[in-house]
């Protein structure tokens, strides 16, 4: 029920002027989501990526409105998944290409669960976060229920077991299974 306020600037220059004044730590972002004690807001500018940027940032708004304690990596993974245009089933080609160039080596999901600062996220973190979300939502065997049950528990304030723990109960080698899933997407 919490509204998400969207501020869309007419051009890139006015957007970055605004960021410089209000949010100087976000100067390299095409769009941002800001949560305060009283509001959820998205700031973006009109341009070639406006639809993608708004989808990504509004997902953050929806998530923070309903699951205030969502882990950073999952927040970003879901936003990266849903920023993709409708009909593509969350396939973020840029992330898939990046992971393929790395020969699909994956760090332990527990590492992603330790991330707490959006400013410190790397391209690898975004790509791996997207990959885990895509794997859970788009693979077979009802893995989506693992994610949706976890999100429901988070909404109720239950943070244990972590998503990593839940996945490891279902899969003996989740990183290998994830790599196989991404291999099928090539």
N, C-alpha and C. Protein backbone atom coordinates (compact mmCIF):
# COMPACT_ATOMS: atom_id res chain seq x y z
N UNK A 1 0.81 -1.20 0.00
CA UNK A 1 0.00 0.00 0.00
C UNK A 1 0.85 1.27 0.00
N UNK A 2 2.14 1.10 0.12
CA UNK A 2 3.02 2.27 0.17
C UNK A 2 3.32 2.78 -1.24
N UNK A 3 3.06 4.05 -1.51
CA UNK A 3 3.31 4.57 -2.87
C UNK A 3 4.81 4.69 -3.17
N UNK A 4 5.13 4.53 -4.43
CA UNK A 4 6.49 4.74 -4.93
C UNK A 4 6.44 5.99 -5.79
N UNK A 5 7.18 7.00 -5.39
CA UNK A 5 7.21 8.27 -6.11
C UNK A 5 8.27 8.18 -7.20
N UNK A 6 7.86 8.51 -8.43
CA UNK A 6 8.79 8.45 -9.56
C UNK A 6 9.02 9.86 -10.07
N UNK A 7 10.30 10.24 -10.12
CA UNK A 7 10.71 11.56 -10.62
C UNK A 7 11.49 11.33 -11.90
N UNK A 8 10.88 11.73 -13.02
CA UNK A 8 11.49 11.52 -14.33
C UNK A 8 11.92 12.87 -14.89
N UNK A 9 13.23 13.03 -15.04
CA UNK A 9 13.79 14.28 -15.54
C UNK A 9 13.76 14.29 -17.07
N UNK A 10 13.55 15.46 -17.64
CA UNK A 10 13.41 15.59 -19.09
C UNK A 10 14.70 15.26 -19.83
N UNK A 11 15.82 15.50 -19.18
CA UNK A 11 17.09 15.25 -19.87
C UNK A 11 18.16 14.82 -18.87
N UNK A 12 19.23 14.28 -19.41
CA UNK A 12 20.32 13.75 -18.60
C UNK A 12 21.00 14.83 -17.76
N UNK A 13 21.20 16.01 -18.35
CA UNK A 13 21.92 17.09 -17.65
C UNK A 13 21.18 17.53 -16.38
N UNK A 14 19.88 17.73 -16.47
CA UNK A 14 19.13 18.17 -15.28
C UNK A 14 19.10 17.06 -14.22
N UNK A 15 19.04 15.82 -14.65
CA UNK A 15 19.07 14.70 -13.72
C UNK A 15 20.39 14.67 -12.96
N UNK A 16 21.50 14.76 -13.67
CA UNK A 16 22.80 14.70 -13.00
C UNK A 16 23.07 15.95 -12.16
N UNK A 17 22.54 17.09 -12.56
CA UNK A 17 22.64 18.30 -11.71
C UNK A 17 21.92 18.05 -10.38
N UNK A 18 20.73 17.45 -10.47
CA UNK A 18 19.96 17.13 -9.27
C UNK A 18 20.72 16.13 -8.39
N UNK A 19 21.26 15.08 -9.00
CA UNK A 19 22.02 14.10 -8.22
C UNK A 19 23.20 14.74 -7.51
N UNK A 20 23.90 15.62 -8.21
CA UNK A 20 25.06 16.28 -7.62
C UNK A 20 24.67 17.03 -6.35
N UNK A 21 23.50 17.64 -6.36
CA UNK A 21 23.03 18.38 -5.19
C UNK A 21 22.51 17.47 -4.07
N UNK A 22 21.69 16.49 -4.42
CA UNK A 22 21.00 15.69 -3.42
C UNK A 22 21.67 14.36 -3.07
N UNK A 23 22.25 13.70 -4.08
CA UNK A 23 22.80 12.35 -3.89
C UNK A 23 24.15 12.22 -4.60
N UNK A 24 25.16 12.95 -4.17
CA UNK A 24 26.44 12.95 -4.90
C UNK A 24 27.13 11.59 -4.96
N UNK A 25 26.80 10.68 -4.09
CA UNK A 25 27.39 9.35 -4.12
C UNK A 25 26.86 8.46 -5.24
N UNK A 26 25.83 8.94 -5.94
CA UNK A 26 25.21 8.14 -7.00
C UNK A 26 25.41 8.75 -8.38
N UNK A 27 26.44 9.52 -8.55
CA UNK A 27 26.64 10.25 -9.81
C UNK A 27 26.83 9.35 -11.03
N UNK A 28 27.23 8.12 -10.85
CA UNK A 28 27.47 7.25 -12.00
C UNK A 28 26.27 6.36 -12.34
N UNK A 29 25.11 6.64 -11.79
CA UNK A 29 23.92 5.80 -12.01
C UNK A 29 22.93 6.50 -12.94
N UNK A 30 22.40 5.74 -13.91
CA UNK A 30 21.40 6.31 -14.83
C UNK A 30 20.08 6.53 -14.12
N UNK A 31 19.82 5.78 -13.07
CA UNK A 31 18.59 5.91 -12.30
C UNK A 31 18.88 5.38 -10.90
N UNK A 32 18.13 5.87 -9.92
CA UNK A 32 18.35 5.41 -8.55
C UNK A 32 17.02 5.22 -7.83
N UNK A 33 17.06 4.33 -6.84
CA UNK A 33 15.97 4.14 -5.91
C UNK A 33 16.45 4.64 -4.56
N UNK A 34 15.62 5.43 -3.89
CA UNK A 34 15.98 5.98 -2.59
C UNK A 34 14.85 5.68 -1.61
N UNK A 35 15.21 5.05 -0.50
CA UNK A 35 14.26 4.77 0.56
C UNK A 35 14.60 5.63 1.76
N UNK A 36 13.63 6.35 2.27
CA UNK A 36 13.80 7.11 3.51
C UNK A 36 12.76 6.60 4.51
N UNK A 37 12.76 7.19 5.68
CA UNK A 37 11.79 6.79 6.70
C UNK A 37 10.35 7.09 6.28
N UNK A 38 10.18 8.03 5.34
CA UNK A 38 8.83 8.46 4.98
C UNK A 38 8.45 8.21 3.52
N UNK A 39 9.40 7.81 2.68
CA UNK A 39 9.02 7.63 1.27
C UNK A 39 9.94 6.66 0.53
N UNK A 40 9.39 6.15 -0.56
CA UNK A 40 10.12 5.34 -1.52
C UNK A 40 10.11 6.12 -2.83
N UNK A 41 11.29 6.40 -3.38
CA UNK A 41 11.37 7.24 -4.56
C UNK A 41 12.32 6.68 -5.60
N UNK A 42 11.96 6.90 -6.85
CA UNK A 42 12.80 6.54 -7.99
C UNK A 42 13.10 7.83 -8.74
N UNK A 43 14.36 8.00 -9.11
CA UNK A 43 14.81 9.15 -9.89
C UNK A 43 15.46 8.63 -11.16
N UNK A 44 15.05 9.16 -12.31
CA UNK A 44 15.60 8.73 -13.59
C UNK A 44 15.49 9.89 -14.57
N UNK A 45 16.09 9.71 -15.74
CA UNK A 45 15.96 10.72 -16.79
C UNK A 45 15.52 10.05 -18.08
N UNK A 46 14.86 10.85 -18.91
CA UNK A 46 14.41 10.35 -20.20
C UNK A 46 15.64 10.04 -21.05
N UNK A 47 15.64 8.89 -21.71
CA UNK A 47 16.75 8.51 -22.56
C UNK A 47 16.52 7.14 -23.15
N UNK A 48 17.51 6.60 -23.79
CA UNK A 48 17.41 5.33 -24.50
C UNK A 48 17.09 4.15 -23.57
N UNK A 49 17.46 4.25 -22.31
CA UNK A 49 17.29 3.13 -21.37
C UNK A 49 16.21 3.38 -20.33
N UNK A 50 15.35 4.35 -20.57
CA UNK A 50 14.40 4.76 -19.53
C UNK A 50 13.47 3.62 -19.11
N UNK A 51 12.99 2.83 -20.05
CA UNK A 51 12.07 1.74 -19.68
C UNK A 51 12.79 0.71 -18.81
N UNK A 52 13.97 0.30 -19.20
CA UNK A 52 14.77 -0.66 -18.42
C UNK A 52 15.09 -0.09 -17.04
N UNK A 53 15.53 1.17 -17.01
CA UNK A 53 15.88 1.80 -15.74
C UNK A 53 14.69 1.89 -14.80
N UNK A 54 13.53 2.28 -15.33
CA UNK A 54 12.34 2.38 -14.48
C UNK A 54 11.88 1.01 -13.99
N UNK A 55 11.92 0.00 -14.87
CA UNK A 55 11.54 -1.34 -14.41
C UNK A 55 12.44 -1.77 -13.26
N UNK A 56 13.75 -1.58 -13.42
CA UNK A 56 14.71 -1.99 -12.39
C UNK A 56 14.46 -1.27 -11.07
N UNK A 57 14.39 0.03 -11.11
CA UNK A 57 14.28 0.81 -9.87
C UNK A 57 12.91 0.66 -9.21
N UNK A 58 11.86 0.52 -9.99
CA UNK A 58 10.53 0.34 -9.40
C UNK A 58 10.43 -1.03 -8.73
N UNK A 59 11.13 -2.04 -9.25
CA UNK A 59 11.17 -3.33 -8.56
C UNK A 59 11.72 -3.14 -7.15
N UNK A 60 12.79 -2.35 -7.02
CA UNK A 60 13.31 -2.06 -5.68
C UNK A 60 12.21 -1.45 -4.80
N UNK A 61 11.46 -0.54 -5.37
CA UNK A 61 10.38 0.08 -4.61
C UNK A 61 9.35 -0.92 -4.14
N UNK A 62 8.89 -1.77 -5.05
CA UNK A 62 7.92 -2.80 -4.67
C UNK A 62 8.47 -3.72 -3.59
N UNK A 63 9.70 -4.15 -3.78
CA UNK A 63 10.30 -5.06 -2.80
C UNK A 63 10.43 -4.41 -1.43
N UNK A 64 10.92 -3.17 -1.40
CA UNK A 64 11.11 -2.49 -0.11
C UNK A 64 9.78 -2.13 0.55
N UNK A 65 8.74 -1.95 -0.26
CA UNK A 65 7.42 -1.66 0.31
C UNK A 65 6.83 -2.90 0.98
N UNK A 66 7.17 -4.08 0.48
CA UNK A 66 6.55 -5.28 1.02
C UNK A 66 7.50 -6.17 1.82
N UNK A 67 8.81 -6.07 1.57
CA UNK A 67 9.79 -6.91 2.28
C UNK A 67 10.96 -6.02 2.71
N UNK A 68 10.80 -5.28 3.79
CA UNK A 68 11.81 -4.29 4.16
C UNK A 68 13.18 -4.87 4.50
N UNK A 69 13.26 -6.14 4.83
CA UNK A 69 14.54 -6.72 5.23
C UNK A 69 15.13 -7.64 4.16
N UNK A 70 14.83 -7.38 2.89
CA UNK A 70 15.33 -8.22 1.81
C UNK A 70 16.85 -8.07 1.68
N UNK A 71 17.57 -9.18 1.55
CA UNK A 71 19.02 -9.08 1.39
C UNK A 71 19.38 -8.32 0.11
N UNK A 72 20.46 -7.57 0.18
CA UNK A 72 20.88 -6.72 -0.93
C UNK A 72 21.04 -7.51 -2.22
N UNK A 73 21.72 -8.65 -2.17
CA UNK A 73 21.98 -9.39 -3.40
C UNK A 73 20.68 -9.84 -4.05
N UNK A 74 19.69 -10.23 -3.24
CA UNK A 74 18.42 -10.70 -3.78
C UNK A 74 17.60 -9.53 -4.33
N UNK A 75 17.65 -8.42 -3.64
CA UNK A 75 17.02 -7.19 -4.11
C UNK A 75 17.54 -6.85 -5.51
N UNK A 76 18.86 -6.88 -5.67
CA UNK A 76 19.45 -6.56 -6.98
C UNK A 76 19.20 -7.66 -8.00
N UNK A 77 19.26 -8.92 -7.58
CA UNK A 77 19.01 -10.01 -8.51
C UNK A 77 17.61 -9.97 -9.09
N UNK A 78 16.62 -9.69 -8.24
CA UNK A 78 15.24 -9.57 -8.72
C UNK A 78 15.07 -8.35 -9.62
N UNK A 79 15.70 -7.24 -9.27
CA UNK A 79 15.61 -6.04 -10.11
C UNK A 79 16.27 -6.28 -11.47
N UNK A 80 17.40 -6.97 -11.48
CA UNK A 80 18.07 -7.29 -12.74
C UNK A 80 17.22 -8.24 -13.59
N UNK A 81 16.54 -9.16 -12.95
CA UNK A 81 15.66 -10.10 -13.65
C UNK A 81 14.47 -9.35 -14.28
N UNK A 82 13.82 -8.49 -13.50
CA UNK A 82 12.60 -7.84 -13.97
C UNK A 82 12.84 -6.59 -14.80
N UNK A 83 14.09 -6.12 -14.90
CA UNK A 83 14.34 -4.97 -15.76
C UNK A 83 14.26 -5.33 -17.23
N UNK A 84 14.34 -6.61 -17.52
CA UNK A 84 14.30 -7.11 -18.90
C UNK A 84 12.89 -6.95 -19.45
N UNK A 85 12.78 -6.59 -20.72
CA UNK A 85 11.48 -6.37 -21.34
C UNK A 85 10.60 -7.62 -21.26
N UNK A 86 9.32 -7.40 -21.23
CA UNK A 86 8.32 -8.46 -21.15
C UNK A 86 8.53 -9.48 -22.28
N UNK A 87 8.28 -10.73 -21.95
CA UNK A 87 8.37 -11.79 -22.94
C UNK A 87 9.75 -12.44 -23.04
N UNK A 88 10.73 -11.94 -22.31
CA UNK A 88 12.09 -12.49 -22.37
C UNK A 88 12.40 -13.39 -21.18
N UNK A 89 11.43 -13.59 -20.31
CA UNK A 89 11.58 -14.48 -19.15
C UNK A 89 12.80 -14.13 -18.31
N UNK A 90 13.03 -12.83 -18.14
CA UNK A 90 14.11 -12.38 -17.27
C UNK A 90 15.51 -12.60 -17.81
N UNK A 91 15.63 -12.97 -19.08
CA UNK A 91 16.95 -13.26 -19.66
C UNK A 91 17.72 -11.95 -19.88
N UNK A 92 18.68 -11.70 -19.01
CA UNK A 92 19.52 -10.50 -19.09
C UNK A 92 20.77 -10.90 -19.88
N UNK A 93 20.74 -10.62 -21.17
CA UNK A 93 21.79 -11.07 -22.07
C UNK A 93 23.16 -10.53 -21.68
N UNK A 94 23.23 -9.31 -21.20
CA UNK A 94 24.52 -8.74 -20.79
C UNK A 94 25.14 -9.54 -19.65
N UNK A 95 24.33 -9.94 -18.70
CA UNK A 95 24.85 -10.75 -17.59
C UNK A 95 25.25 -12.15 -18.06
N UNK A 96 24.43 -12.73 -18.91
CA UNK A 96 24.75 -14.05 -19.43
C UNK A 96 26.07 -14.02 -20.19
N UNK A 97 26.26 -13.00 -21.03
CA UNK A 97 27.52 -12.86 -21.78
C UNK A 97 28.70 -12.69 -20.84
N UNK A 98 28.53 -11.86 -19.82
CA UNK A 98 29.60 -11.64 -18.85
C UNK A 98 29.98 -12.94 -18.15
N UNK A 99 28.98 -13.69 -17.70
CA UNK A 99 29.26 -14.94 -17.01
C UNK A 99 29.88 -15.97 -17.94
N UNK A 100 29.46 -15.98 -19.19
CA UNK A 100 30.06 -16.90 -20.16
C UNK A 100 31.54 -16.58 -20.39
N UNK A 101 31.89 -15.31 -20.40
CA UNK A 101 33.30 -14.91 -20.57
C UNK A 101 34.14 -15.36 -19.40
N UNK A 102 33.54 -15.50 -18.24
CA UNK A 102 34.26 -15.95 -17.04
C UNK A 102 34.26 -17.46 -16.93
N UNK A 103 33.80 -18.16 -17.94
CA UNK A 103 33.69 -19.61 -17.91
C UNK A 103 32.75 -20.08 -16.79
N UNK A 104 31.80 -19.23 -16.43
CA UNK A 104 30.74 -19.56 -15.48
C UNK A 104 31.25 -20.09 -14.14
N UNK A 105 32.34 -19.53 -13.66
CA UNK A 105 32.77 -19.84 -12.28
C UNK A 105 31.87 -19.06 -11.34
N UNK A 106 31.35 -19.74 -10.33
CA UNK A 106 30.47 -19.07 -9.39
C UNK A 106 31.02 -19.16 -7.99
N UNK A 107 30.97 -18.03 -7.33
CA UNK A 107 31.34 -18.05 -5.92
C UNK A 107 30.16 -18.63 -5.14
N UNK A 108 30.41 -18.99 -3.95
CA UNK A 108 29.41 -19.54 -3.07
C UNK A 108 28.31 -18.50 -2.84
N UNK A 109 27.08 -18.92 -2.87
CA UNK A 109 25.96 -18.02 -2.62
C UNK A 109 26.08 -17.34 -1.26
N UNK A 110 26.74 -17.99 -0.33
CA UNK A 110 26.93 -17.40 1.00
C UNK A 110 27.71 -16.08 0.89
N UNK A 111 28.61 -15.97 -0.08
CA UNK A 111 29.35 -14.72 -0.27
C UNK A 111 28.39 -13.59 -0.65
N UNK A 112 27.46 -13.86 -1.56
CA UNK A 112 26.49 -12.84 -1.95
C UNK A 112 25.63 -12.44 -0.75
N UNK A 113 25.30 -13.40 0.08
CA UNK A 113 24.45 -13.11 1.24
C UNK A 113 25.14 -12.19 2.25
N UNK A 114 26.45 -12.08 2.17
CA UNK A 114 27.19 -11.22 3.10
C UNK A 114 27.26 -9.77 2.62
N UNK A 115 26.88 -9.49 1.37
CA UNK A 115 26.98 -8.14 0.83
C UNK A 115 25.97 -7.22 1.51
N UNK A 116 26.45 -6.03 1.91
CA UNK A 116 25.56 -5.10 2.62
C UNK A 116 25.57 -3.68 2.04
N UNK A 117 26.51 -3.38 1.16
CA UNK A 117 26.62 -2.02 0.63
C UNK A 117 26.45 -2.01 -0.89
N UNK A 118 25.41 -1.33 -1.35
CA UNK A 118 25.18 -1.24 -2.80
C UNK A 118 26.34 -0.55 -3.51
N UNK A 119 27.00 0.34 -2.81
CA UNK A 119 28.12 1.07 -3.42
C UNK A 119 29.30 0.15 -3.73
N UNK A 120 29.37 -0.98 -3.05
CA UNK A 120 30.49 -1.91 -3.24
C UNK A 120 30.20 -3.03 -4.23
N UNK A 121 28.97 -3.09 -4.76
CA UNK A 121 28.62 -4.17 -5.68
C UNK A 121 29.40 -4.04 -6.98
N UNK A 122 29.90 -5.16 -7.45
CA UNK A 122 30.64 -5.21 -8.70
C UNK A 122 29.75 -5.77 -9.81
N UNK A 123 30.24 -5.70 -11.03
CA UNK A 123 29.51 -6.31 -12.14
C UNK A 123 29.30 -7.79 -11.88
N UNK A 124 30.30 -8.44 -11.32
CA UNK A 124 30.20 -9.86 -10.98
C UNK A 124 29.06 -10.10 -10.00
N UNK A 125 28.93 -9.24 -8.98
CA UNK A 125 27.87 -9.40 -7.99
C UNK A 125 26.49 -9.27 -8.63
N UNK A 126 26.32 -8.26 -9.50
CA UNK A 126 25.04 -8.09 -10.18
C UNK A 126 24.74 -9.30 -11.07
N UNK A 127 25.73 -9.74 -11.83
CA UNK A 127 25.53 -10.86 -12.75
C UNK A 127 25.20 -12.14 -12.00
N UNK A 128 25.94 -12.43 -10.94
CA UNK A 128 25.67 -13.65 -10.17
C UNK A 128 24.32 -13.57 -9.46
N UNK A 129 23.98 -12.40 -8.96
CA UNK A 129 22.67 -12.24 -8.30
C UNK A 129 21.55 -12.50 -9.30
N UNK A 130 21.68 -11.92 -10.50
CA UNK A 130 20.70 -12.19 -11.56
C UNK A 130 20.65 -13.68 -11.88
N UNK A 131 21.82 -14.31 -12.01
CA UNK A 131 21.88 -15.72 -12.39
C UNK A 131 21.13 -16.60 -11.39
N UNK A 132 21.34 -16.37 -10.09
CA UNK A 132 20.65 -17.17 -9.08
C UNK A 132 19.13 -16.98 -9.18
N UNK A 133 18.69 -15.73 -9.34
CA UNK A 133 17.25 -15.47 -9.44
C UNK A 133 16.69 -16.13 -10.70
N UNK A 134 17.37 -15.95 -11.83
CA UNK A 134 16.89 -16.56 -13.07
C UNK A 134 16.81 -18.08 -12.93
N UNK A 135 17.83 -18.66 -12.34
CA UNK A 135 17.88 -20.11 -12.11
C UNK A 135 16.66 -20.56 -11.31
N UNK A 136 16.36 -19.85 -10.24
CA UNK A 136 15.24 -20.25 -9.38
C UNK A 136 13.89 -20.04 -10.05
N UNK A 137 13.74 -18.95 -10.79
CA UNK A 137 12.44 -18.64 -11.38
C UNK A 137 12.19 -19.32 -12.71
N UNK A 138 13.24 -19.66 -13.44
CA UNK A 138 13.05 -20.17 -14.80
C UNK A 138 13.45 -21.61 -15.01
N UNK A 139 13.99 -22.28 -14.02
CA UNK A 139 14.35 -23.69 -14.21
C UNK A 139 13.20 -24.58 -13.77
N UNK A 140 13.36 -25.85 -13.97
CA UNK A 140 12.29 -26.81 -13.68
C UNK A 140 12.32 -27.22 -12.21
N UNK A 141 11.51 -28.19 -11.88
CA UNK A 141 11.44 -28.78 -10.55
C UNK A 141 10.92 -27.83 -9.48
N UNK A 142 10.14 -26.85 -9.87
CA UNK A 142 9.50 -25.94 -8.92
C UNK A 142 10.48 -25.27 -7.97
N UNK A 143 11.66 -24.90 -8.49
CA UNK A 143 12.62 -24.17 -7.66
C UNK A 143 12.10 -22.78 -7.31
N UNK A 144 11.16 -22.27 -8.10
CA UNK A 144 10.59 -20.96 -7.79
C UNK A 144 9.95 -20.94 -6.41
N UNK A 145 9.41 -22.07 -5.99
CA UNK A 145 8.78 -22.14 -4.66
C UNK A 145 9.80 -21.91 -3.55
N UNK A 146 11.04 -22.32 -3.76
CA UNK A 146 12.08 -22.07 -2.76
C UNK A 146 12.24 -20.57 -2.57
N UNK A 147 12.26 -19.83 -3.68
CA UNK A 147 12.41 -18.37 -3.62
C UNK A 147 11.15 -17.71 -3.07
N UNK A 148 9.99 -18.08 -3.57
CA UNK A 148 8.77 -17.41 -3.10
C UNK A 148 8.48 -17.71 -1.63
N UNK A 149 8.77 -18.93 -1.19
CA UNK A 149 8.60 -19.26 0.23
C UNK A 149 9.55 -18.43 1.09
N UNK A 150 10.79 -18.27 0.61
CA UNK A 150 11.78 -17.46 1.34
C UNK A 150 11.31 -16.00 1.43
N UNK A 151 10.82 -15.47 0.32
CA UNK A 151 10.34 -14.08 0.33
C UNK A 151 9.15 -13.93 1.29
N UNK A 152 8.27 -14.90 1.30
CA UNK A 152 7.13 -14.86 2.23
C UNK A 152 7.61 -14.90 3.67
N UNK A 153 8.59 -15.73 3.95
CA UNK A 153 9.14 -15.78 5.30
C UNK A 153 9.81 -14.46 5.68
N UNK A 154 10.56 -13.87 4.75
CA UNK A 154 11.19 -12.57 5.02
C UNK A 154 10.13 -11.52 5.35
N UNK A 155 9.05 -11.55 4.61
CA UNK A 155 7.98 -10.57 4.86
C UNK A 155 7.42 -10.71 6.27
N UNK A 156 7.42 -11.93 6.80
CA UNK A 156 6.96 -12.18 8.16
C UNK A 156 8.04 -11.95 9.20
N UNK A 157 9.26 -11.61 8.74
CA UNK A 157 10.36 -11.35 9.66
C UNK A 157 11.24 -12.56 9.93
N UNK A 158 10.98 -13.68 9.26
CA UNK A 158 11.76 -14.90 9.45
C UNK A 158 12.93 -14.91 8.46
N UNK A 159 14.14 -14.77 8.95
CA UNK A 159 15.31 -14.71 8.06
C UNK A 159 16.10 -16.01 8.00
N UNK A 160 15.71 -16.99 8.80
CA UNK A 160 16.44 -18.27 8.82
C UNK A 160 15.49 -19.40 8.43
N UNK A 161 15.97 -20.40 7.73
CA UNK A 161 17.31 -20.44 7.15
C UNK A 161 17.43 -19.48 5.97
N UNK A 162 18.64 -19.14 5.64
CA UNK A 162 18.89 -18.25 4.50
C UNK A 162 18.47 -18.95 3.22
N UNK A 163 18.42 -18.19 2.14
CA UNK A 163 18.09 -18.80 0.85
C UNK A 163 19.17 -19.81 0.47
N UNK A 164 20.42 -19.50 0.76
CA UNK A 164 21.51 -20.42 0.50
C UNK A 164 21.25 -21.76 1.22
N UNK A 165 20.88 -21.69 2.48
CA UNK A 165 20.60 -22.90 3.24
C UNK A 165 19.44 -23.69 2.66
N UNK A 166 18.43 -22.99 2.20
CA UNK A 166 17.25 -23.66 1.63
C UNK A 166 17.61 -24.34 0.31
N UNK A 167 18.41 -23.65 -0.50
CA UNK A 167 18.81 -24.23 -1.79
C UNK A 167 19.67 -25.48 -1.56
N UNK A 168 20.58 -25.40 -0.60
CA UNK A 168 21.47 -26.53 -0.32
C UNK A 168 20.71 -27.74 0.24
N UNK A 169 19.55 -27.52 0.82
CA UNK A 169 18.73 -28.66 1.26
C UNK A 169 18.14 -29.40 0.06
N UNK A 170 17.91 -28.66 -1.02
CA UNK A 170 17.31 -29.27 -2.23
C UNK A 170 18.33 -29.78 -3.22
N UNK A 171 19.50 -29.14 -3.28
CA UNK A 171 20.51 -29.47 -4.29
C UNK A 171 21.85 -29.73 -3.62
N UNK A 172 22.48 -30.82 -3.98
CA UNK A 172 23.77 -31.13 -3.37
C UNK A 172 24.89 -30.27 -3.94
N UNK A 173 24.78 -29.87 -5.20
CA UNK A 173 25.81 -29.04 -5.84
C UNK A 173 25.13 -27.87 -6.56
N UNK A 174 24.63 -26.89 -5.82
CA UNK A 174 23.86 -25.80 -6.45
C UNK A 174 24.66 -24.99 -7.48
N UNK A 175 25.96 -24.74 -7.22
CA UNK A 175 26.74 -23.96 -8.18
C UNK A 175 26.86 -24.70 -9.51
N UNK A 176 27.05 -26.01 -9.47
CA UNK A 176 27.12 -26.81 -10.69
C UNK A 176 25.78 -26.82 -11.41
N UNK A 177 24.70 -26.94 -10.66
CA UNK A 177 23.37 -26.94 -11.26
C UNK A 177 23.07 -25.58 -11.89
N UNK A 178 23.51 -24.51 -11.24
CA UNK A 178 23.35 -23.18 -11.80
C UNK A 178 24.13 -23.06 -13.11
N UNK A 179 25.36 -23.51 -13.12
CA UNK A 179 26.18 -23.46 -14.34
C UNK A 179 25.52 -24.23 -15.48
N UNK A 180 24.94 -25.38 -15.17
CA UNK A 180 24.25 -26.17 -16.19
C UNK A 180 23.03 -25.42 -16.72
N UNK A 181 22.31 -24.75 -15.84
CA UNK A 181 21.16 -23.94 -16.26
C UNK A 181 21.60 -22.85 -17.23
N UNK A 182 22.66 -22.15 -16.88
CA UNK A 182 23.13 -21.06 -17.75
C UNK A 182 23.70 -21.60 -19.06
N UNK A 183 24.28 -22.77 -19.03
CA UNK A 183 24.79 -23.40 -20.26
C UNK A 183 23.63 -23.65 -21.23
N UNK A 184 22.48 -24.04 -20.71
CA UNK A 184 21.32 -24.27 -21.56
C UNK A 184 20.80 -22.98 -22.19
N UNK A 185 21.10 -21.83 -21.57
CA UNK A 185 20.63 -20.55 -22.11
C UNK A 185 21.48 -20.03 -23.26
N UNK A 186 22.67 -20.59 -23.44
CA UNK A 186 23.57 -20.13 -24.50
C UNK A 186 22.95 -20.21 -25.85
